[in-house]
């Protein structure tokens, strides 16, 4: 009887936290969804609104999962994926819209059940991601539903690959002229507004914005170049 009671207790606990013995199961679910729904960083929100079953399943898993049982990289990977899925969910629920900014309270007001906590998108970004890690590369992993955001990844972030994936994303984004444009004639570097909004994080990490950019660029930007910031395109990343 004791053995049966123990088995029932373990089964109940796993069910309570929405988890199985496979700690990567939820990441496989994230990956399958993103592979199917994200094409060149764009999402068919109309399709997801009409057929919400897979997205709703992920939302349920996000609410019951307990990342606190695992490492910091595991938690960070979970919250990055959760953020990206919740952006898609919020846009799909409100579709058609021209921009995520057309949805009232998109980043700061609307809350979701995330691992048993009610969090906004900003809450996930700053209290669950940037706060614990102090890693500005995370900004390149988050898709905010707009064209000027770092384009949405069509693969999930995995705990055991997280550092490689964040490195790859930083190099990929910073090497693209629509995020970092170097005008040699004017001796100016034009950066995505993300570098302006979170400049204190990038500067704290590397000493200056240009030093941060150069950490991930093959062709380095001269440190004496002037800095400008691009206008942000909030048009929806729809397809």
C-alpha atoms as a PDB file:
ATOM      1  CA  UNK A   1       0.000   0.000   0.000  1.00  0.00           C
ATOM      2  CA  UNK A   2       2.855   2.385   0.798  1.00  0.00           C
ATOM      3  CA  UNK A   3       4.334   1.826  -2.695  1.00  0.00           C
ATOM      4  CA  UNK A   4       0.985   2.524  -4.344  1.00  0.00           C
ATOM      5  CA  UNK A   5       0.535   5.664  -2.253  1.00  0.00           C
ATOM      6  CA  UNK A   6       4.026   6.859  -3.231  1.00  0.00           C
ATOM      7  CA  UNK A   7       3.358   6.291  -6.928  1.00  0.00           C
ATOM      8  CA  UNK A   8       0.055   8.174  -6.687  1.00  0.00           C
ATOM      9  CA  UNK A   9       1.762  11.019  -4.849  1.00  0.00           C
ATOM     10  CA  UNK A  10       4.500  11.381  -7.493  1.00  0.00           C
ATOM     11  CA  UNK A  11       1.948  11.174 -10.314  1.00  0.00           C
ATOM     12  CA  UNK A  12      -0.212  13.839  -8.659  1.00  0.00           C
ATOM     13  CA  UNK A  13       2.767  16.153  -8.150  1.00  0.00           C
ATOM     14  CA  UNK A  14       3.844  15.862 -11.802  1.00  0.00           C
ATOM     15  CA  UNK A  15       0.268  16.519 -12.896  1.00  0.00           C
ATOM     16  CA  UNK A  16      -0.002  19.477 -10.528  1.00  0.00           C
ATOM     17  CA  UNK A  17       2.968  21.210 -12.108  1.00  0.00           C
ATOM     18  CA  UNK A  18       2.036  20.181 -15.660  1.00  0.00           C
ATOM     19  CA  UNK A  19       5.291  18.316 -16.113  1.00  0.00           C
ATOM     20  CA  UNK A  20       6.545  14.866 -17.042  1.00  0.00           C
ATOM     21  CA  UNK A  21       9.795  13.052 -16.455  1.00  0.00           C
ATOM     22  CA  UNK A  22      11.043  14.570 -19.728  1.00  0.00           C
ATOM     23  CA  UNK A  23      12.141  18.093 -18.788  1.00  0.00           C
ATOM     24  CA  UNK A  24      12.522  18.954 -22.490  1.00  0.00           C
ATOM     25  CA  UNK A  25       8.956  17.985 -23.446  1.00  0.00           C
ATOM     26  CA  UNK A  26       7.589  21.523 -23.295  1.00  0.00           C
ATOM     27  CA  UNK A  27      10.497  22.803 -25.415  1.00  0.00           C
ATOM     28  CA  UNK A  28       9.693  20.191 -28.054  1.00  0.00           C
ATOM     29  CA  UNK A  29       6.117  21.487 -28.062  1.00  0.00           C
ATOM     30  CA  UNK A  30       7.363  25.055 -28.477  1.00  0.00           C
ATOM     31  CA  UNK A  31       9.692  23.976 -31.274  1.00  0.00           C
ATOM     32  CA  UNK A  32       7.028  22.048 -33.193  1.00  0.00           C
ATOM     33  CA  UNK A  33       4.658  25.013 -33.097  1.00  0.00           C
ATOM     34  CA  UNK A  34       7.244  27.600 -34.155  1.00  0.00           C
ATOM     35  CA  UNK A  35       8.551  25.425 -36.989  1.00  0.00           C
ATOM     36  CA  UNK A  36       5.039  25.157 -38.357  1.00  0.00           C
ATOM     37  CA  UNK A  37       3.799  28.691 -37.801  1.00  0.00           C
ATOM     38  CA  UNK A  38       6.805  31.003 -38.314  1.00  0.00           C
ATOM     39  CA  UNK A  39       8.072  31.595 -41.846  1.00  0.00           C
ATOM     40  CA  UNK A  40      10.951  34.066 -42.304  1.00  0.00           C
ATOM     41  CA  UNK A  41       9.967  35.697 -39.016  1.00  0.00           C
ATOM     42  CA  UNK A  42       6.337  36.168 -40.077  1.00  0.00           C
ATOM     43  CA  UNK A  43       3.169  34.629 -38.637  1.00  0.00           C
ATOM     44  CA  UNK A  44      -0.215  33.825 -40.190  1.00  0.00           C
ATOM     45  CA  UNK A  45      -2.334  35.261 -37.375  1.00  0.00           C
ATOM     46  CA  UNK A  46      -5.602  34.811 -39.265  1.00  0.00           C
ATOM     47  CA  UNK A  47      -4.957  31.074 -39.502  1.00  0.00           C
ATOM     48  CA  UNK A  48      -4.184  30.867 -35.783  1.00  0.00           C
ATOM     49  CA  UNK A  49      -7.335  32.793 -34.884  1.00  0.00           C
ATOM     50  CA  UNK A  50      -9.446  30.374 -36.900  1.00  0.00           C
ATOM     51  CA  UNK A  51      -7.584  27.298 -35.635  1.00  0.00           C
ATOM     52  CA  UNK A  52      -6.414  28.089 -32.084  1.00  0.00           C
ATOM     53  CA  UNK A  53      -6.122  24.543 -30.709  1.00  0.00           C
ATOM     54  CA  UNK A  54      -2.319  24.168 -30.827  1.00  0.00           C
ATOM     55  CA  UNK A  55      -1.729  27.685 -29.557  1.00  0.00           C
ATOM     56  CA  UNK A  56      -4.230  27.225 -26.727  1.00  0.00           C
ATOM     57  CA  UNK A  57      -2.510  23.987 -25.714  1.00  0.00           C
ATOM     58  CA  UNK A  58       0.810  25.847 -25.411  1.00  0.00           C
ATOM     59  CA  UNK A  59      -0.839  28.585 -23.348  1.00  0.00           C
ATOM     60  CA  UNK A  60      -2.130  25.915 -20.967  1.00  0.00           C
ATOM     61  CA  UNK A  61       1.328  24.338 -20.673  1.00  0.00           C
ATOM     62  CA  UNK A  62       2.919  27.731 -20.019  1.00  0.00           C
ATOM     63  CA  UNK A  63       0.505  28.294 -17.147  1.00  0.00           C
ATOM     64  CA  UNK A  64       1.133  24.970 -15.372  1.00  0.00           C
ATOM     65  CA  UNK A  65       4.857  24.485 -15.989  1.00  0.00           C
ATOM     66  CA  UNK A  66       7.299  24.927 -13.089  1.00  0.00           C
ATOM     67  CA  UNK A  67      10.686  26.122 -14.408  1.00  0.00           C
ATOM     68  CA  UNK A  68      11.868  26.811 -10.872  1.00  0.00           C
ATOM     69  CA  UNK A  69      12.729  23.132 -10.522  1.00  0.00           C
ATOM     70  CA  UNK A  70      15.597  23.563 -12.976  1.00  0.00           C
ATOM     71  CA  UNK A  71      18.730  25.588 -13.771  1.00  0.00           C
ATOM     72  CA  UNK A  72      18.867  29.283 -14.636  1.00  0.00           C
ATOM     73  CA  UNK A  73      19.431  28.473 -18.318  1.00  0.00           C
ATOM     74  CA  UNK A  74      16.365  26.230 -18.211  1.00  0.00           C
ATOM     75  CA  UNK A  75      14.287  29.000 -16.677  1.00  0.00           C
ATOM     76  CA  UNK A  76      15.590  31.577 -19.139  1.00  0.00           C
ATOM     77  CA  UNK A  77      14.854  29.363 -22.145  1.00  0.00           C
ATOM     78  CA  UNK A  78      11.341  28.717 -20.832  1.00  0.00           C
ATOM     79  CA  UNK A  79      10.533  32.394 -20.304  1.00  0.00           C
ATOM     80  CA  UNK A  80      11.929  33.419 -23.724  1.00  0.00           C
ATOM     81  CA  UNK A  81       9.721  30.850 -25.437  1.00  0.00           C
ATOM     82  CA  UNK A  82       6.756  31.756 -23.246  1.00  0.00           C
ATOM     83  CA  UNK A  83       7.147  35.448 -24.128  1.00  0.00           C
ATOM     84  CA  UNK A  84       7.226  34.746 -27.863  1.00  0.00           C
ATOM     85  CA  UNK A  85       4.212  32.430 -27.718  1.00  0.00           C
ATOM     86  CA  UNK A  86       2.214  34.912 -25.622  1.00  0.00           C
ATOM     87  CA  UNK A  87       2.939  37.693 -28.130  1.00  0.00           C
ATOM     88  CA  UNK A  88       1.520  35.468 -30.871  1.00  0.00           C
ATOM     89  CA  UNK A  89      -1.474  34.572 -28.690  1.00  0.00           C
ATOM     90  CA  UNK A  90      -2.315  38.190 -27.897  1.00  0.00           C
ATOM     91  CA  UNK A  91      -2.115  39.271 -31.544  1.00  0.00           C
ATOM     92  CA  UNK A  92      -4.140  36.267 -32.754  1.00  0.00           C
ATOM     93  CA  UNK A  93      -6.855  36.946 -30.171  1.00  0.00           C
ATOM     94  CA  UNK A  94      -7.152  40.567 -31.341  1.00  0.00           C
ATOM     95  CA  UNK A  95      -6.628  39.997 -35.081  1.00  0.00           C
ATOM     96  CA  UNK A  96      -7.022  41.822 -37.432  1.00  0.00           C
ATOM     97  CA  UNK A  97      -4.769  44.658 -36.260  1.00  0.00           C
ATOM     98  CA  UNK A  98      -2.086  46.649 -38.044  1.00  0.00           C
ATOM     99  CA  UNK A  99       0.325  46.700 -35.119  1.00  0.00           C
ATOM    100  CA  UNK A 100       0.723  45.219 -31.640  1.00  0.00           C
ATOM    101  CA  UNK A 101       0.551  48.839 -30.439  1.00  0.00           C
ATOM    102  CA  UNK A 102      -3.089  48.904 -31.577  1.00  0.00           C
ATOM    103  CA  UNK A 103      -3.852  46.429 -28.771  1.00  0.00           C
ATOM    104  CA  UNK A 104      -4.438  48.299 -25.526  1.00  0.00           C
ATOM    105  CA  UNK A 105      -2.061  47.290 -22.744  1.00  0.00           C
ATOM    106  CA  UNK A 106      -0.158  44.881 -24.990  1.00  0.00           C
ATOM    107  CA  UNK A 107       3.137  45.003 -23.055  1.00  0.00           C
ATOM    108  CA  UNK A 108       2.319  46.553 -19.686  1.00  0.00           C
ATOM    109  CA  UNK A 109      -1.280  45.719 -18.740  1.00  0.00           C
ATOM    110  CA  UNK A 110      -2.547  42.418 -20.179  1.00  0.00           C
ATOM    111  CA  UNK A 111      -1.573  39.539 -17.886  1.00  0.00           C
ATOM    112  CA  UNK A 112      -1.120  35.829 -18.529  1.00  0.00           C
ATOM    113  CA  UNK A 113      -0.748  32.802 -16.302  1.00  0.00           C
ATOM    114  CA  UNK A 114       2.958  31.995 -16.601  1.00  0.00           C
ATOM    115  CA  UNK A 115       4.203  29.176 -14.380  1.00  0.00           C
ATOM    116  CA  UNK A 116       1.485  29.949 -11.871  1.00  0.00           C
ATOM    117  CA  UNK A 117       2.087  33.732 -11.812  1.00  0.00           C
ATOM    118  CA  UNK A 118       0.054  36.433 -13.504  1.00  0.00           C
ATOM    119  CA  UNK A 119       2.585  38.350 -15.591  1.00  0.00           C
ATOM    120  CA  UNK A 120       2.577  40.982 -18.319  1.00  0.00           C
ATOM    121  CA  UNK A 121       4.990  40.741 -21.231  1.00  0.00           C
ATOM    122  CA  UNK A 122       7.114  43.435 -19.589  1.00  0.00           C
ATOM    123  CA  UNK A 123       6.995  41.445 -16.372  1.00  0.00           C
ATOM    124  CA  UNK A 124       8.412  38.406 -18.139  1.00  0.00           C
ATOM    125  CA  UNK A 125      11.100  40.438 -19.886  1.00  0.00           C
ATOM    126  CA  UNK A 126      12.375  42.405 -16.925  1.00  0.00           C
ATOM    127  CA  UNK A 127      11.641  40.294 -13.834  1.00  0.00           C
ATOM    128  CA  UNK A 128      12.143  36.804 -15.247  1.00  0.00           C
ATOM    129  CA  UNK A 129      14.741  37.369 -17.970  1.00  0.00           C
ATOM    130  CA  UNK A 130      16.848  40.532 -17.736  1.00  0.00           C
ATOM    131  CA  UNK A 131      16.647  40.797 -13.951  1.00  0.00           C
ATOM    132  CA  UNK A 132      18.106  37.381 -13.080  1.00  0.00           C
ATOM    133  CA  UNK A 133      20.613  37.162 -15.960  1.00  0.00           C
ATOM    134  CA  UNK A 134      21.670  40.768 -16.712  1.00  0.00           C
ATOM    135  CA  UNK A 135      22.185  39.480 -20.286  1.00  0.00           C
ATOM    136  CA  UNK A 136      21.214  42.030 -22.990  1.00  0.00           C
ATOM    137  CA  UNK A 137      21.416  39.314 -25.668  1.00  0.00           C
ATOM    138  CA  UNK A 138      17.947  38.305 -24.536  1.00  0.00           C
ATOM    139  CA  UNK A 139      16.540  41.388 -26.278  1.00  0.00           C
ATOM    140  CA  UNK A 140      17.540  39.796 -29.591  1.00  0.00           C
ATOM    141  CA  UNK A 141      15.628  36.614 -28.741  1.00  0.00           C
ATOM    142  CA  UNK A 142      12.256  38.262 -28.074  1.00  0.00           C
ATOM    143  CA  UNK A 143       9.846  38.885 -30.924  1.00  0.00           C
ATOM    144  CA  UNK A 144       7.360  41.677 -30.153  1.00  0.00           C
ATOM    145  CA  UNK A 145       5.108  41.174 -33.177  1.00  0.00           C
ATOM    146  CA  UNK A 146       6.423  44.157 -35.179  1.00  0.00           C
ATOM    147  CA  UNK A 147       8.667  44.454 -38.221  1.00  0.00           C
ATOM    148  CA  UNK A 148      11.473  46.311 -36.442  1.00  0.00           C
ATOM    149  CA  UNK A 149      11.634  43.793 -33.609  1.00  0.00           C
ATOM    150  CA  UNK A 150      14.315  41.137 -33.830  1.00  0.00           C
ATOM    151  CA  UNK A 151      12.637  38.742 -36.226  1.00  0.00           C
ATOM    152  CA  UNK A 152      10.867  35.802 -34.647  1.00  0.00           C
ATOM    153  CA  UNK A 153      12.934  32.629 -34.477  1.00  0.00           C
ATOM    154  CA  UNK A 154      11.347  29.555 -36.091  1.00  0.00           C
ATOM    155  CA  UNK A 155      12.925  27.274 -33.474  1.00  0.00           C
ATOM    156  CA  UNK A 156      12.510  27.089 -29.727  1.00  0.00           C
ATOM    157  CA  UNK A 157      15.259  28.053 -27.313  1.00  0.00           C
ATOM    158  CA  UNK A 158      16.525  24.981 -25.432  1.00  0.00           C
ATOM    159  CA  UNK A 159      18.202  24.961 -21.998  1.00  0.00           C
ATOM    160  CA  UNK A 160      21.224  22.932 -23.105  1.00  0.00           C
ATOM    161  CA  UNK A 161      21.754  25.107 -26.199  1.00  0.00           C
ATOM    162  CA  UNK A 162      20.732  28.464 -24.757  1.00  0.00           C
ATOM    163  CA  UNK A 163      24.138  30.165 -24.616  1.00  0.00           C
ATOM    164  CA  UNK A 164      24.972  29.107 -28.187  1.00  0.00           C
ATOM    165  CA  UNK A 165      21.545  30.251 -29.398  1.00  0.00           C
ATOM    166  CA  UNK A 166      21.824  33.652 -27.697  1.00  0.00           C
ATOM    167  CA  UNK A 167      25.301  34.119 -29.157  1.00  0.00           C
ATOM    168  CA  UNK A 168      24.042  33.175 -32.610  1.00  0.00           C
ATOM    169  CA  UNK A 169      21.061  35.520 -32.351  1.00  0.00           C
ATOM    170  CA  UNK A 170      23.228  38.458 -31.261  1.00  0.00           C
ATOM    171  CA  UNK A 171      25.641  37.893 -34.146  1.00  0.00           C
ATOM    172  CA  UNK A 172      22.797  37.432 -36.641  1.00  0.00           C
ATOM    173  CA  UNK A 173      20.856  40.538 -35.606  1.00  0.00           C
ATOM    174  CA  UNK A 174      23.846  42.847 -35.200  1.00  0.00           C
ATOM    175  CA  UNK A 175      25.224  41.824 -38.590  1.00  0.00           C
ATOM    176  CA  UNK A 176      22.046  42.861 -40.408  1.00  0.00           C
ATOM    177  CA  UNK A 177      21.957  46.426 -41.809  1.00  0.00           C
ATOM    178  CA  UNK A 178      18.287  46.908 -40.836  1.00  0.00           C
ATOM    179  CA  UNK A 179      19.416  46.579 -37.209  1.00  0.00           C
ATOM    180  CA  UNK A 180      22.945  47.990 -37.358  1.00  0.00           C
ATOM    181  CA  UNK A 181      23.747  50.153 -40.399  1.00  0.00           C
ATOM    182  CA  UNK A 182      27.237  51.549 -40.816  1.00  0.00           C
ATOM    183  CA  UNK A 183      27.588  54.632 -43.018  1.00  0.00           C
ATOM    184  CA  UNK A 184      31.301  54.844 -43.782  1.00  0.00           C
ATOM    185  CA  UNK A 185      31.030  58.152 -45.639  1.00  0.00           C
ATOM    186  CA  UNK A 186      29.265  59.925 -42.789  1.00  0.00           C
ATOM    187  CA  UNK A 187      31.231  58.009 -40.148  1.00  0.00           C
ATOM    188  CA  UNK A 188      27.975  57.135 -38.477  1.00  0.00           C
ATOM    189  CA  UNK A 189      26.422  53.928 -37.162  1.00  0.00           C
ATOM    190  CA  UNK A 190      22.625  53.777 -37.156  1.00  0.00           C
ATOM    191  CA  UNK A 191      21.266  51.366 -34.552  1.00  0.00           C
ATOM    192  CA  UNK A 192      17.884  49.772 -33.973  1.00  0.00           C
ATOM    193  CA  UNK A 193      15.890  51.619 -31.284  1.00  0.00           C
ATOM    194  CA  UNK A 194      16.370  48.651 -28.960  1.00  0.00           C
ATOM    195  CA  UNK A 195      19.888  49.956 -28.384  1.00  0.00           C
ATOM    196  CA  UNK A 196      18.432  53.317 -27.379  1.00  0.00           C
ATOM    197  CA  UNK A 197      15.663  51.985 -25.130  1.00  0.00           C
ATOM    198  CA  UNK A 198      17.989  49.627 -23.249  1.00  0.00           C
ATOM    199  CA  UNK A 199      21.221  51.552 -23.659  1.00  0.00           C
ATOM    200  CA  UNK A 200      22.039  51.345 -19.958  1.00  0.00           C
ATOM    201  CA  UNK A 201      22.030  47.546 -20.127  1.00  0.00           C
ATOM    202  CA  UNK A 202      24.271  47.383 -23.203  1.00  0.00           C
ATOM    203  CA  UNK A 203      26.668  50.019 -21.870  1.00  0.00           C
ATOM    204  CA  UNK A 204      26.855  48.355 -18.463  1.00  0.00           C
ATOM    205  CA  UNK A 205      27.708  45.088 -20.201  1.00  0.00           C
ATOM    206  CA  UNK A 206      30.362  46.358 -22.628  1.00  0.00           C
ATOM    207  CA  UNK A 207      31.290  49.959 -21.779  1.00  0.00           C
ATOM    208  CA  UNK A 208      29.600  51.616 -24.763  1.00  0.00           C
ATOM    209  CA  UNK A 209      27.059  50.822 -27.456  1.00  0.00           C
ATOM    210  CA  UNK A 210      29.710  50.573 -30.171  1.00  0.00           C
ATOM    211  CA  UNK A 211      31.832  48.277 -28.007  1.00  0.00           C
ATOM    212  CA  UNK A 212      28.801  46.065 -27.492  1.00  0.00           C
ATOM    213  CA  UNK A 213      28.054  45.962 -31.211  1.00  0.00           C
ATOM    214  CA  UNK A 214      31.690  45.188 -32.022  1.00  0.00           C
ATOM    215  CA  UNK A 215      31.636  42.209 -29.695  1.00  0.00           C
ATOM    216  CA  UNK A 216      29.380  40.441 -32.213  1.00  0.00           C
ATOM    217  CA  UNK A 217      30.394  41.976 -35.575  1.00  0.00           C
ATOM    218  CA  UNK A 218      32.991  40.580 -37.923  1.00  0.00           C
ATOM    219  CA  UNK A 219      33.643  44.043 -39.399  1.00  0.00           C
ATOM    220  CA  UNK A 220      34.190  46.321 -36.422  1.00  0.00           C
ATOM    221  CA  UNK A 221      32.758  49.825 -36.156  1.00  0.00           C
ATOM    222  CA  UNK A 222      35.320  52.560 -35.333  1.00  0.00           C
ATOM    223  CA  UNK A 223      34.609  53.758 -31.811  1.00  0.00           C
ATOM    224  CA  UNK A 224      34.753  57.428 -32.813  1.00  0.00           C
ATOM    225  CA  UNK A 225      31.781  57.053 -35.207  1.00  0.00           C
ATOM    226  CA  UNK A 226      28.642  59.020 -34.398  1.00  0.00           C
ATOM    227  CA  UNK A 227      25.535  57.226 -33.171  1.00  0.00           C
ATOM    228  CA  UNK A 228      22.011  57.532 -34.538  1.00  0.00           C
ATOM    229  CA  UNK A 229      18.891  55.426 -33.997  1.00  0.00           C
ATOM    230  CA  UNK A 230      16.471  54.128 -36.598  1.00  0.00           C
ATOM    231  CA  UNK A 231      12.774  54.904 -36.602  1.00  0.00           C
ATOM    232  CA  UNK A 232      10.920  51.887 -35.265  1.00  0.00           C
ATOM    233  CA  UNK A 233       8.493  50.138 -37.614  1.00  0.00           C
ATOM    234  CA  UNK A 234       5.603  48.863 -35.492  1.00  0.00           C
ATOM    235  CA  UNK A 235       3.806  47.296 -38.479  1.00  0.00           C
ATOM    236  CA  UNK A 236       2.591  43.792 -37.603  1.00  0.00           C
ATOM    237  CA  UNK A 237       4.834  40.866 -38.646  1.00  0.00           C
ATOM    238  CA  UNK A 238       1.883  39.312 -40.454  1.00  0.00           C
ATOM    239  CA  UNK A 239       2.007  36.993 -43.460  1.00  0.00           C
END
